[in-house]
Amino acid sequence: MTQTLILLFHPDIANSRANAALANAAACLPGVEVADLHALYPDGVIDDDAEVARLLAADRIVLQFPLQWYSTPPLLKAWQDLILTRMFYIDYEAEGRRLEGRPIMVAVTAGNTAQAYEPGGRNLYPLTDLLRPLEVTANRCGLPWAEPFILFEANKLEAAALSEAGRRFVSRLKDWGGSGPAPSSPVAAPVRPRDKPVPASLAVAALMLPVIVVAEMVLAALSWSSGEGPWSWHLMAGAALLAPIGWIFFSALGRASARPLRPWAVLLAGAGLVHALVSGPGAGRTATGGLIALIGVVLLAKIGKRRRRQARIAGPVIASV
C-alpha cells in the first residue's frame, strides 16, 4: 500500500519550476507515489477505475497544484466531479466508505507574495480562505484535513530557494506521515443516499435465502436416495442460490454496492422459473421455484429503484453550481 499519494495537477510540469521542485523532492521519499494526472490524461479523459484504485491503495492523500485565478486547475475540478461523485454518491458502500478517515493535505503554489493574501491586501483574503471549498469537500467525504503547504512567489524563486522549499515539503511529509492518521472532523457528516434503513423486502429476501437453499439441498438428497424425481434440478437450483447469498447479505447490511447484485438477481429469477417449470410434478416444488423467481424479481426491482435514485442525486452535484 502506498503510504502517501501525491496527485499532481499541473498543466505543464515540464516547464514548471516550483511544482517540479516539490514533486521531485517528495518522490525521493520511500512510500511516496507522485501521480502526474496531466501526463496520465493529456486529453482530460480520466480513468475512474484506475483513480479509485489509486486512492484506496493510499494511507494519505496530497493534492498538489498551482493556484489559477484563485481556484484549482480545471483537471482537478474534473477529477473531483468524476471520482468523488462516484465514490461518495454512486458507490458509497463499496468505495467511499472505505476511503473515509484517510488524511488529506493540499500543497499549493502561488505567484504573488504572502502579503497580497492578507486582509486588505491586493487579493483581499488569506490563501487558506480560498482553499475552503476543498476543506469543505474533504469534510463532506470524511477525510481529515491537514494544514495546507503553501509556497508563495513560486515563479520568482531562485534555485536555492526552490531547493529549500523542496526540503521543507519533504520535512512536512515526514512529520505528517509519522504522526499517524489525523483525528476525524468533529463536524457530523451529512446523511448519504445509502445511509438509510434497508428496505424490509430486501432484508426478508436475504434472510429467506439460506432457508431455501437448505430445503433444496435436503430435497435433492431425499430425491436422490429414493430415486424419485429429477434430483439434479434441486442440486442446480441450490448451487445457483449459494453464490449470491454473500452479496445479498452484504447489500442487506449496507456494506456493498448494488451493482454486483444485478446478475445474481437475474440468475435467481431464471433459476426459480426453470425450477418451477421442469422440476416435475408437485405443488411444493412448483411453489418453491416460484418463490425463488419472485425473490429475484423483487431484488431486481429494488436494485433498479436504488440506481435511479442515486442517478437523480448525483446529477445535481455537478450541475447545481
C-alpha atoms as a PDB file:
ATOM      1  CA  MET A   1       0.000   0.000   0.000  1.00  0.00           C
ATOM      2  CA  THR A   2       1.232   3.493  -0.891  1.00  0.00           C
ATOM      3  CA  GLN A   3       1.816   5.443   2.313  1.00  0.00           C
ATOM      4  CA  THR A   4       1.476   8.910   0.770  1.00  0.00           C
ATOM      5  CA  LEU A   5      -0.147   9.545  -2.598  1.00  0.00           C
ATOM      6  CA  ILE A   6       0.552  12.912  -4.239  1.00  0.00           C
ATOM      7  CA  LEU A   7      -1.888  13.737  -7.020  1.00  0.00           C
ATOM      8  CA  LEU A   8      -0.145  16.385  -9.107  1.00  0.00           C
ATOM      9  CA  PHE A   9      -2.339  18.700 -11.182  1.00  0.00           C
ATOM     10  CA  HIS A  10      -0.051  20.917 -13.255  1.00  0.00           C
ATOM     11  CA  PRO A  11      -0.842  21.595 -16.918  1.00  0.00           C
ATOM     12  CA  ASP A  12       2.838  21.835 -17.930  1.00  0.00           C
ATOM     13  CA  ILE A  13       5.074  20.231 -15.345  1.00  0.00           C
ATOM     14  CA  ALA A  14       7.965  20.015 -17.837  1.00  0.00           C
ATOM     15  CA  ASN A  15       8.259  23.805 -17.748  1.00  0.00           C
ATOM     16  CA  SER A  16       7.401  24.162 -14.070  1.00  0.00           C
ATOM     17  CA  ARG A  17       9.942  25.266 -11.522  1.00  0.00           C
ATOM     18  CA  ALA A  18       8.189  25.316  -8.163  1.00  0.00           C
ATOM     19  CA  ASN A  19       5.808  22.375  -8.559  1.00  0.00           C
ATOM     20  CA  ALA A  20       8.518  20.315 -10.226  1.00  0.00           C
ATOM     21  CA  ALA A  21      10.889  21.050  -7.340  1.00  0.00           C
ATOM     22  CA  LEU A  22       8.290  19.977  -4.767  1.00  0.00           C
ATOM     23  CA  ALA A  23       7.253  16.851  -6.662  1.00  0.00           C
ATOM     24  CA  ASN A  24      10.817  15.746  -7.393  1.00  0.00           C
ATOM     25  CA  ALA A  25      11.848  16.192  -3.784  1.00  0.00           C
ATOM     26  CA  ALA A  26       8.832  14.286  -2.487  1.00  0.00           C
ATOM     27  CA  ALA A  27       9.305  11.449  -4.995  1.00  0.00           C
ATOM     28  CA  CYS A  28      12.630  10.585  -3.338  1.00  0.00           C
ATOM     29  CA  LEU A  29      10.890   9.660  -0.091  1.00  0.00           C
ATOM     30  CA  PRO A  30      10.167   5.956   0.471  1.00  0.00           C
ATOM     31  CA  GLY A  31       6.462   5.159   0.411  1.00  0.00           C
ATOM     32  CA  VAL A  32       5.572   8.230  -1.650  1.00  0.00           C
ATOM     33  CA  GLU A  33       3.883   7.944  -5.045  1.00  0.00           C
ATOM     34  CA  VAL A  34       3.604  11.010  -7.277  1.00  0.00           C
ATOM     35  CA  ALA A  35       0.891  10.672  -9.924  1.00  0.00           C
ATOM     36  CA  ASP A  36       1.045  13.357 -12.624  1.00  0.00           C
ATOM     37  CA  LEU A  37      -2.594  13.485 -13.728  1.00  0.00           C
ATOM     38  CA  HIS A  38      -1.913  15.715 -16.737  1.00  0.00           C
ATOM     39  CA  ALA A  39       0.706  13.282 -18.017  1.00  0.00           C
ATOM     40  CA  LEU A  40      -1.614  10.353 -17.417  1.00  0.00           C
ATOM     41  CA  TYR A  41      -4.613  12.018 -19.075  1.00  0.00           C
ATOM     42  CA  PRO A  42      -3.399  14.572 -21.625  1.00  0.00           C
ATOM     43  CA  ASP A  43      -6.823  14.531 -23.300  1.00  0.00           C
ATOM     44  CA  GLY A  44      -8.572  15.166 -19.985  1.00  0.00           C
ATOM     45  CA  VAL A  45     -10.409  11.816 -20.051  1.00  0.00           C
ATOM     46  CA  ILE A  46      -9.816  10.333 -16.588  1.00  0.00           C
ATOM     47  CA  ASP A  47      -9.829   6.577 -15.985  1.00  0.00           C
ATOM     48  CA  ASP A  48     -12.114   6.500 -12.968  1.00  0.00           C
ATOM     49  CA  ASP A  49     -11.458   2.815 -12.161  1.00  0.00           C
ATOM     50  CA  ALA A  50      -7.692   3.427 -12.034  1.00  0.00           C
ATOM     51  CA  GLU A  51      -8.020   6.568  -9.916  1.00  0.00           C
ATOM     52  CA  VAL A  52     -10.401   4.989  -7.425  1.00  0.00           C
ATOM     53  CA  ALA A  53      -7.993   2.083  -7.019  1.00  0.00           C
ATOM     54  CA  ARG A  54      -5.103   4.526  -6.583  1.00  0.00           C
ATOM     55  CA  LEU A  55      -6.919   6.351  -3.779  1.00  0.00           C
ATOM     56  CA  LEU A  56      -7.936   3.175  -1.980  1.00  0.00           C
ATOM     57  CA  ALA A  57      -4.329   1.955  -2.028  1.00  0.00           C
ATOM     58  CA  ALA A  58      -3.038   5.059  -0.185  1.00  0.00           C
ATOM     59  CA  ASP A  59      -2.788   5.880   3.520  1.00  0.00           C
ATOM     60  CA  ARG A  60      -2.641   9.655   2.991  1.00  0.00           C
ATOM     61  CA  ILE A  61      -3.508  11.913   0.062  1.00  0.00           C
ATOM     62  CA  VAL A  62      -1.915  15.147  -1.157  1.00  0.00           C
ATOM     63  CA  LEU A  63      -3.491  17.369  -3.810  1.00  0.00           C
ATOM     64  CA  GLN A  64      -0.692  19.436  -5.368  1.00  0.00           C
ATOM     65  CA  PHE A  65      -1.403  22.214  -7.855  1.00  0.00           C
ATOM     66  CA  PRO A  66      -0.653  25.828  -8.820  1.00  0.00           C
ATOM     67  CA  LEU A  67      -3.328  28.338  -7.881  1.00  0.00           C
ATOM     68  CA  GLN A  68      -5.075  29.551 -11.050  1.00  0.00           C
ATOM     69  CA  TRP A  69      -7.397  32.553 -10.812  1.00  0.00           C
ATOM     70  CA  TYR A  70      -7.893  31.910  -7.095  1.00  0.00           C
ATOM     71  CA  SER A  71      -9.042  28.378  -7.775  1.00  0.00           C
ATOM     72  CA  THR A  72      -7.870  24.908  -8.751  1.00  0.00           C
ATOM     73  CA  PRO A  73      -6.790  23.845 -12.252  1.00  0.00           C
ATOM     74  CA  PRO A  74      -9.641  22.536 -14.439  1.00  0.00           C
ATOM     75  CA  LEU A  75      -8.407  18.938 -14.338  1.00  0.00           C
ATOM     76  CA  LEU A  76      -8.579  18.878 -10.540  1.00  0.00           C
ATOM     77  CA  LYS A  77     -12.190  20.064 -10.660  1.00  0.00           C
ATOM     78  CA  ALA A  78     -12.967  17.415 -13.291  1.00  0.00           C
ATOM     79  CA  TRP A  79     -11.298  14.815 -11.051  1.00  0.00           C
ATOM     80  CA  GLN A  80     -13.485  15.883  -8.123  1.00  0.00           C
ATOM     81  CA  ASP A  81     -16.647  15.752 -10.204  1.00  0.00           C
ATOM     82  CA  LEU A  82     -15.880  12.290 -11.565  1.00  0.00           C
ATOM     83  CA  ILE A  83     -14.049  10.445  -8.794  1.00  0.00           C
ATOM     84  CA  LEU A  84     -15.612  11.882  -5.644  1.00  0.00           C
ATOM     85  CA  THR A  85     -19.120  11.777  -7.099  1.00  0.00           C
ATOM     86  CA  ARG A  86     -18.646   8.117  -7.966  1.00  0.00           C
ATOM     87  CA  MET A  87     -17.122   7.190  -4.616  1.00  0.00           C
ATOM     88  CA  PHE A  88     -19.413   9.139  -2.312  1.00  0.00           C
ATOM     89  CA  TYR A  89     -22.718   9.233  -4.207  1.00  0.00           C
ATOM     90  CA  ILE A  90     -22.760   6.314  -6.635  1.00  0.00           C
ATOM     91  CA  ASP A  91     -20.737   3.577  -4.889  1.00  0.00           C
ATOM     92  CA  TYR A  92     -20.522   4.811  -1.331  1.00  0.00           C
ATOM     93  CA  GLU A  93     -20.617   1.450   0.482  1.00  0.00           C
ATOM     94  CA  ALA A  94     -18.105  -0.213  -1.838  1.00  0.00           C
ATOM     95  CA  GLU A  95     -15.724   2.744  -2.297  1.00  0.00           C
ATOM     96  CA  GLY A  96     -16.438   5.955  -0.401  1.00  0.00           C
ATOM     97  CA  ARG A  97     -16.864   4.325   2.978  1.00  0.00           C
ATOM     98  CA  ARG A  98     -13.516   2.555   2.509  1.00  0.00           C
ATOM     99  CA  LEU A  99     -11.738   5.859   1.815  1.00  0.00           C
ATOM    100  CA  GLU A 100     -13.112   7.697   4.837  1.00  0.00           C
ATOM    101  CA  GLY A 101     -10.659   8.526   7.606  1.00  0.00           C
ATOM    102  CA  ARG A 102      -7.605   8.948   5.369  1.00  0.00           C
ATOM    103  CA  PRO A 103      -5.939  12.336   5.941  1.00  0.00           C
ATOM    104  CA  ILE A 104      -5.707  14.773   3.054  1.00  0.00           C
ATOM    105  CA  MET A 105      -3.437  17.767   2.537  1.00  0.00           C
ATOM    106  CA  VAL A 106      -3.184  20.447  -0.135  1.00  0.00           C
ATOM    107  CA  ALA A 107       0.181  21.617  -1.485  1.00  0.00           C
ATOM    108  CA  VAL A 108      -0.387  24.798  -3.472  1.00  0.00           C
ATOM    109  CA  THR A 109       1.889  27.305  -5.184  1.00  0.00           C
ATOM    110  CA  ALA A 110       1.001  30.955  -5.801  1.00  0.00           C
ATOM    111  CA  GLY A 111       2.792  33.560  -7.861  1.00  0.00           C
ATOM    112  CA  ASN A 112       2.076  36.533  -5.622  1.00  0.00           C
ATOM    113  CA  THR A 113       3.539  37.416  -2.243  1.00  0.00           C
ATOM    114  CA  ALA A 114       2.204  36.339   1.117  1.00  0.00           C
ATOM    115  CA  GLN A 115       1.305  39.970   1.855  1.00  0.00           C
ATOM    116  CA  ALA A 116      -1.027  40.018  -1.150  1.00  0.00           C
ATOM    117  CA  TYR A 117      -3.092  37.325   0.549  1.00  0.00           C
ATOM    118  CA  GLU A 118      -3.658  39.223   3.764  1.00  0.00           C
ATOM    119  CA  PRO A 119      -6.846  41.036   4.761  1.00  0.00           C
ATOM    120  CA  GLY A 120      -6.691  44.358   2.939  1.00  0.00           C
ATOM    121  CA  GLY A 121      -4.049  43.060   0.544  1.00  0.00           C
ATOM    122  CA  ARG A 122      -4.378  43.013  -3.220  1.00  0.00           C
ATOM    123  CA  ASN A 123      -6.175  39.670  -3.168  1.00  0.00           C
ATOM    124  CA  LEU A 124      -8.374  40.614  -0.162  1.00  0.00           C
ATOM    125  CA  TYR A 125      -8.376  37.221   1.556  1.00  0.00           C
ATOM    126  CA  PRO A 126      -5.839  34.779   3.016  1.00  0.00           C
ATOM    127  CA  LEU A 127      -4.999  31.961   0.630  1.00  0.00           C
ATOM    128  CA  THR A 128      -6.298  29.482   3.203  1.00  0.00           C
ATOM    129  CA  ASP A 129      -9.736  31.083   2.803  1.00  0.00           C
ATOM    130  CA  LEU A 130      -9.602  30.454  -0.938  1.00  0.00           C
ATOM    131  CA  LEU A 131      -8.963  26.786  -0.170  1.00  0.00           C
ATOM    132  CA  ARG A 132     -12.143  26.492   1.933  1.00  0.00           C
ATOM    133  CA  PRO A 133     -14.095  24.703  -0.842  1.00  0.00           C
ATOM    134  CA  LEU A 134     -11.517  21.923  -0.780  1.00  0.00           C
ATOM    135  CA  GLU A 135     -11.638  21.794   3.007  1.00  0.00           C
ATOM    136  CA  VAL A 136     -15.428  21.546   2.952  1.00  0.00           C
ATOM    137  CA  THR A 137     -15.192  18.820   0.318  1.00  0.00           C
ATOM    138  CA  ALA A 138     -12.749  16.887   2.493  1.00  0.00           C
ATOM    139  CA  ASN A 139     -15.106  17.227   5.447  1.00  0.00           C
ATOM    140  CA  ARG A 140     -18.036  16.023   3.346  1.00  0.00           C
ATOM    141  CA  CYS A 141     -16.046  12.941   2.326  1.00  0.00           C
ATOM    142  CA  GLY A 142     -14.823  12.197   5.854  1.00  0.00           C
ATOM    143  CA  LEU A 143     -11.169  12.933   5.020  1.00  0.00           C
ATOM    144  CA  PRO A 144      -9.368  14.662   7.919  1.00  0.00           C
ATOM    145  CA  TRP A 145      -7.975  17.990   6.715  1.00  0.00           C
ATOM    146  CA  ALA A 146      -4.311  18.801   7.334  1.00  0.00           C
ATOM    147  CA  GLU A 147      -2.853  22.314   7.303  1.00  0.00           C
ATOM    148  CA  PRO A 148      -2.026  23.215   3.674  1.00  0.00           C
ATOM    149  CA  PHE A 149       1.541  23.527   2.451  1.00  0.00           C
ATOM    150  CA  ILE A 150       1.741  26.900   0.657  1.00  0.00           C
ATOM    151  CA  LEU A 151       4.604  28.274  -1.431  1.00  0.00           C
ATOM    152  CA  PHE A 152       4.345  31.967  -2.364  1.00  0.00           C
ATOM    153  CA  GLU A 153       6.201  33.801  -5.161  1.00  0.00           C
ATOM    154  CA  ALA A 154       6.616  30.427  -6.824  1.00  0.00           C
ATOM    155  CA  ASN A 155       7.632  31.797 -10.239  1.00  0.00           C
ATOM    156  CA  LYS A 156      10.198  34.200  -8.767  1.00  0.00           C
ATOM    157  CA  LEU A 157      12.224  31.885  -6.520  1.00  0.00           C
ATOM    158  CA  GLU A 158      15.867  31.188  -7.300  1.00  0.00           C
ATOM    159  CA  ALA A 159      17.318  27.685  -7.403  1.00  0.00           C
ATOM    160  CA  ALA A 160      18.469  27.804  -3.782  1.00  0.00           C
ATOM    161  CA  ALA A 161      15.034  28.913  -2.581  1.00  0.00           C
ATOM    162  CA  LEU A 162      13.350  26.197  -4.622  1.00  0.00           C
ATOM    163  CA  SER A 163      15.684  23.604  -3.139  1.00  0.00           C
ATOM    164  CA  GLU A 164      14.851  24.863   0.336  1.00  0.00           C
ATOM    165  CA  ALA A 165      11.145  24.695  -0.478  1.00  0.00           C
ATOM    166  CA  GLY A 166      11.613  21.065  -1.535  1.00  0.00           C
ATOM    167  CA  ARG A 167      13.341  20.287   1.756  1.00  0.00           C
ATOM    168  CA  ARG A 168      10.533  21.937   3.729  1.00  0.00           C
ATOM    169  CA  PHE A 169       7.951  19.955   1.774  1.00  0.00           C
ATOM    170  CA  VAL A 170       9.796  16.690   2.436  1.00  0.00           C
ATOM    171  CA  SER A 171      10.067  17.549   6.128  1.00  0.00           C
ATOM    172  CA  ARG A 172       6.365  18.316   6.264  1.00  0.00           C
ATOM    173  CA  LEU A 173       5.501  14.999   4.604  1.00  0.00           C
ATOM    174  CA  LYS A 174       7.742  13.108   7.021  1.00  0.00           C
ATOM    175  CA  ASP A 175       6.191  14.801  10.069  1.00  0.00           C
ATOM    176  CA  TRP A 176       2.696  14.286   8.683  1.00  0.00           C
ATOM    177  CA  GLY A 177       3.294  10.629   7.922  1.00  0.00           C
ATOM    178  CA  GLY A 178       4.893   9.916  11.282  1.00  0.00           C
ATOM    179  CA  SER A 179       2.037  11.404  13.249  1.00  0.00           C
ATOM    180  CA  GLY A 180      -0.443   8.726  12.141  1.00  0.00           C
ATOM    181  CA  PRO A 181      -3.948   9.394  10.892  1.00  0.00           C
ATOM    182  CA  ALA A 182      -5.344  12.742  11.875  1.00  0.00           C
ATOM    183  CA  PRO A 183      -8.426  12.729  14.118  1.00  0.00           C
ATOM    184  CA  SER A 184     -11.732  12.782  12.342  1.00  0.00           C
ATOM    185  CA  SER A 185     -13.501  16.074  11.924  1.00  0.00           C
ATOM    186  CA  PRO A 186     -15.870  16.864  14.791  1.00  0.00           C
ATOM    187  CA  VAL A 187     -18.451  18.051  12.283  1.00  0.00           C
ATOM    188  CA  ALA A 188     -21.024  15.344  11.733  1.00  0.00           C
ATOM    189  CA  ALA A 189     -21.089  14.024   8.199  1.00  0.00           C
ATOM    190  CA  PRO A 190     -24.420  14.527   6.437  1.00  0.00           C
ATOM    191  CA  VAL A 191     -26.668  11.576   5.723  1.00  0.00           C
ATOM    192  CA  ARG A 192     -25.676   9.980   2.440  1.00  0.00           C
ATOM    193  CA  PRO A 193     -28.024   8.371  -0.057  1.00  0.00           C
ATOM    194  CA  ARG A 194     -27.427   4.857   1.215  1.00  0.00           C
ATOM    195  CA  ASP A 195     -27.126   5.628   4.934  1.00  0.00           C
ATOM    196  CA  LYS A 196     -30.773   4.680   5.389  1.00  0.00           C
ATOM    197  CA  PRO A 197     -32.572   1.568   6.614  1.00  0.00           C
ATOM    198  CA  VAL A 198     -32.545  -1.312   4.172  1.00  0.00           C
ATOM    199  CA  PRO A 199     -35.994  -1.955   2.636  1.00  0.00           C
ATOM    200  CA  ALA A 200     -37.779  -4.672   4.580  1.00  0.00           C
ATOM    201  CA  SER A 201     -38.419  -6.734   1.455  1.00  0.00           C
ATOM    202  CA  LEU A 202     -34.702  -6.879   0.657  1.00  0.00           C
ATOM    203  CA  ALA A 203     -33.816  -7.882   4.206  1.00  0.00           C
ATOM    204  CA  VAL A 204     -36.545 -10.554   4.282  1.00  0.00           C
ATOM    205  CA  ALA A 205     -35.371 -11.892   0.927  1.00  0.00           C
ATOM    206  CA  ALA A 206     -31.818 -12.161   2.212  1.00  0.00           C
ATOM    207  CA  LEU A 207     -32.959 -13.965   5.352  1.00  0.00           C
ATOM    208  CA  MET A 208     -35.111 -16.411   3.390  1.00  0.00           C
ATOM    209  CA  LEU A 209     -32.359 -17.489   1.005  1.00  0.00           C
ATOM    210  CA  PRO A 210     -30.437 -19.751   3.428  1.00  0.00           C
ATOM    211  CA  VAL A 211     -33.689 -21.475   4.377  1.00  0.00           C
ATOM    212  CA  ILE A 212     -34.491 -22.091   0.721  1.00  0.00           C
ATOM    213  CA  VAL A 213     -31.004 -23.374  -0.020  1.00  0.00           C
ATOM    214  CA  VAL A 214     -31.073 -25.809   2.904  1.00  0.00           C
ATOM    215  CA  ALA A 215     -34.518 -27.022   1.889  1.00  0.00           C
ATOM    216  CA  GLU A 216     -33.385 -27.509  -1.706  1.00  0.00           C
ATOM    217  CA  MET A 217     -30.311 -29.495  -0.698  1.00  0.00           C
ATOM    218  CA  VAL A 218     -32.381 -31.696   1.660  1.00  0.00           C
ATOM    219  CA  LEU A 219     -34.934 -32.333  -1.082  1.00  0.00           C
ATOM    220  CA  ALA A 220     -32.146 -33.157  -3.504  1.00  0.00           C
ATOM    221  CA  ALA A 221     -30.652 -35.671  -1.111  1.00  0.00           C
ATOM    222  CA  LEU A 222     -34.021 -37.290  -0.427  1.00  0.00           C
ATOM    223  CA  SER A 223     -34.911 -37.431  -4.130  1.00  0.00           C
ATOM    224  CA  TRP A 224     -31.558 -38.958  -4.962  1.00  0.00           C
ATOM    225  CA  SER A 225     -31.704 -41.586  -2.223  1.00  0.00           C
ATOM    226  CA  SER A 226     -35.270 -42.597  -3.038  1.00  0.00           C
ATOM    227  CA  GLY A 227     -34.862 -42.398  -6.782  1.00  0.00           C
ATOM    228  CA  GLU A 228     -37.846 -40.092  -7.099  1.00  0.00           C
ATOM    229  CA  GLY A 229     -37.894 -37.122  -9.408  1.00  0.00           C
ATOM    230  CA  PRO A 230     -35.153 -35.307 -11.292  1.00  0.00           C
ATOM    231  CA  TRP A 231     -32.960 -34.586  -8.282  1.00  0.00           C
ATOM    232  CA  SER A 232     -30.354 -32.829 -10.467  1.00  0.00           C
ATOM    233  CA  TRP A 233     -32.622 -29.819 -10.764  1.00  0.00           C
ATOM    234  CA  HIS A 234     -32.726 -29.498  -6.989  1.00  0.00           C
ATOM    235  CA  LEU A 235     -28.927 -29.538  -6.887  1.00  0.00           C
ATOM    236  CA  MET A 236     -28.659 -26.976  -9.669  1.00  0.00           C
ATOM    237  CA  ALA A 237     -31.149 -24.643  -8.000  1.00  0.00           C
ATOM    238  CA  GLY A 238     -29.360 -24.979  -4.655  1.00  0.00           C
ATOM    239  CA  ALA A 239     -25.944 -24.326  -6.214  1.00  0.00           C
ATOM    240  CA  ALA A 240     -27.272 -21.327  -8.138  1.00  0.00           C
ATOM    241  CA  LEU A 241     -28.511 -19.831  -4.883  1.00  0.00           C
ATOM    242  CA  LEU A 242     -25.318 -20.408  -2.889  1.00  0.00           C
ATOM    243  CA  ALA A 243     -23.155 -17.915  -4.817  1.00  0.00           C
ATOM    244  CA  PRO A 244     -25.295 -14.760  -4.419  1.00  0.00           C
ATOM    245  CA  ILE A 245     -26.049 -15.268  -0.745  1.00  0.00           C
ATOM    246  CA  GLY A 246     -22.928 -13.403   0.369  1.00  0.00           C
ATOM    247  CA  TRP A 247     -23.601 -10.427  -1.875  1.00  0.00           C
ATOM    248  CA  ILE A 248     -27.255 -10.242  -0.889  1.00  0.00           C
ATOM    249  CA  PHE A 249     -26.398 -10.331   2.805  1.00  0.00           C
ATOM    250  CA  PHE A 250     -23.777  -7.618   2.340  1.00  0.00           C
ATOM    251  CA  SER A 251     -26.265  -5.467   0.481  1.00  0.00           C
ATOM    252  CA  ALA A 252     -28.936  -6.004   3.112  1.00  0.00           C
ATOM    253  CA  LEU A 253     -26.476  -4.874   5.765  1.00  0.00           C
ATOM    254  CA  GLY A 254     -25.466  -1.799   3.707  1.00  0.00           C
ATOM    255  CA  ARG A 255     -21.883  -2.926   3.101  1.00  0.00           C
ATOM    256  CA  ALA A 256     -21.633  -3.484  -0.656  1.00  0.00           C
ATOM    257  CA  SER A 257     -22.531  -1.838  -3.923  1.00  0.00           C
ATOM    258  CA  ALA A 258     -25.835  -2.754  -5.546  1.00  0.00           C
ATOM    259  CA  ARG A 259     -24.328  -3.216  -8.992  1.00  0.00           C
ATOM    260  CA  PRO A 260     -22.782  -6.690  -8.414  1.00  0.00           C
ATOM    261  CA  LEU A 261     -26.203  -7.903  -7.249  1.00  0.00           C
ATOM    262  CA  ARG A 262     -27.893  -7.399 -10.593  1.00  0.00           C
ATOM    263  CA  PRO A 263     -26.581 -10.533 -12.402  1.00  0.00           C
ATOM    264  CA  TRP A 264     -27.244 -12.659  -9.337  1.00  0.00           C
ATOM    265  CA  ALA A 265     -30.803 -11.365  -9.105  1.00  0.00           C
ATOM    266  CA  VAL A 266     -31.303 -12.270 -12.759  1.00  0.00           C
ATOM    267  CA  LEU A 267     -29.850 -15.716 -12.021  1.00  0.00           C
ATOM    268  CA  LEU A 268     -32.235 -16.111  -9.097  1.00  0.00           C
ATOM    269  CA  ALA A 269     -35.266 -15.234 -11.177  1.00  0.00           C
ATOM    270  CA  GLY A 270     -34.189 -17.531 -14.016  1.00  0.00           C
ATOM    271  CA  ALA A 271     -33.274 -20.443 -11.742  1.00  0.00           C
ATOM    272  CA  GLY A 272     -36.598 -20.175  -9.951  1.00  0.00           C
ATOM    273  CA  LEU A 273     -38.521 -20.120 -13.199  1.00  0.00           C
ATOM    274  CA  VAL A 274     -36.670 -23.166 -14.540  1.00  0.00           C
ATOM    275  CA  HIS A 275     -37.170 -24.930 -11.231  1.00  0.00           C
ATOM    276  CA  ALA A 276     -40.915 -24.286 -11.281  1.00  0.00           C
ATOM    277  CA  LEU A 277     -41.318 -25.459 -14.880  1.00  0.00           C
ATOM    278  CA  VAL A 278     -39.137 -28.564 -15.072  1.00  0.00           C
ATOM    279  CA  SER A 279     -38.735 -29.913 -11.538  1.00  0.00           C
ATOM    280  CA  GLY A 280     -41.520 -32.409 -12.095  1.00  0.00           C
ATOM    281  CA  PRO A 281     -44.988 -32.754 -10.602  1.00  0.00           C
ATOM    282  CA  GLY A 282     -45.754 -31.473  -7.178  1.00  0.00           C
ATOM    283  CA  ALA A 283     -47.224 -28.226  -5.922  1.00  0.00           C
ATOM    284  CA  GLY A 284     -44.471 -27.853  -3.349  1.00  0.00           C
ATOM    285  CA  ARG A 285     -41.674 -27.907  -5.895  1.00  0.00           C
ATOM    286  CA  THR A 286     -43.506 -25.529  -8.201  1.00  0.00           C
ATOM    287  CA  ALA A 287     -44.169 -23.162  -5.296  1.00  0.00           C
ATOM    288  CA  THR A 288     -40.527 -23.301  -4.275  1.00  0.00           C
ATOM    289  CA  GLY A 289     -39.402 -22.397  -7.783  1.00  0.00           C
ATOM    290  CA  GLY A 290     -41.962 -19.613  -7.950  1.00  0.00           C
ATOM    291  CA  LEU A 291     -40.772 -18.197  -4.643  1.00  0.00           C
ATOM    292  CA  ILE A 292     -37.166 -18.210  -5.809  1.00  0.00           C
ATOM    293  CA  ALA A 293     -38.168 -16.403  -9.003  1.00  0.00           C
ATOM    294  CA  LEU A 294     -40.191 -13.877  -7.006  1.00  0.00           C
ATOM    295  CA  ILE A 295     -37.227 -13.090  -4.776  1.00  0.00           C
ATOM    296  CA  GLY A 296     -35.078 -12.481  -7.859  1.00  0.00           C
ATOM    297  CA  VAL A 297     -37.693 -10.137  -9.336  1.00  0.00           C
ATOM    298  CA  VAL A 298     -38.022  -8.228  -6.042  1.00  0.00           C
ATOM    299  CA  LEU A 299     -34.254  -7.805  -5.838  1.00  0.00           C
ATOM    300  CA  LEU A 300     -34.111  -6.561  -9.430  1.00  0.00           C
ATOM    301  CA  ALA A 301     -36.835  -4.030  -8.678  1.00  0.00           C
ATOM    302  CA  LYS A 302     -35.061  -2.785  -5.551  1.00  0.00           C
ATOM    303  CA  ILE A 303     -31.713  -2.537  -7.348  1.00  0.00           C
ATOM    304  CA  GLY A 304     -33.288  -0.586 -10.195  1.00  0.00           C
ATOM    305  CA  LYS A 305     -35.046   1.781  -7.809  1.00  0.00           C
ATOM    306  CA  ARG A 306     -31.832   2.405  -5.870  1.00  0.00           C
ATOM    307  CA  ARG A 307     -29.819   3.083  -9.026  1.00  0.00           C
ATOM    308  CA  ARG A 308     -32.423   5.527 -10.360  1.00  0.00           C
ATOM    309  CA  ARG A 309     -32.464   7.368  -7.056  1.00  0.00           C
ATOM    310  CA  GLN A 310     -28.658   7.609  -6.984  1.00  0.00           C
ATOM    311  CA  ALA A 311     -28.648   8.977 -10.519  1.00  0.00           C
ATOM    312  CA  ARG A 312     -31.127  11.693  -9.531  1.00  0.00           C
ATOM    313  CA  ILE A 313     -28.970  12.639  -6.535  1.00  0.00           C
ATOM    314  CA  ALA A 314     -25.594  12.542  -8.298  1.00  0.00           C
ATOM    315  CA  GLY A 315     -26.667  14.591 -11.320  1.00  0.00           C
ATOM    316  CA  PRO A 316     -27.296  17.861  -9.440  1.00  0.00           C
ATOM    317  CA  VAL A 317     -23.925  17.566  -7.684  1.00  0.00           C
ATOM    318  CA  ILE A 318     -22.242  18.599 -10.918  1.00  0.00           C
ATOM    319  CA  ALA A 319     -24.946  20.863 -12.341  1.00  0.00           C
ATOM    320  CA  SER A 320     -26.057  22.824  -9.266  1.00  0.00           C
ATOM    321  CA  VAL A 321     -23.209  25.358  -9.080  1.00  0.00           C
END
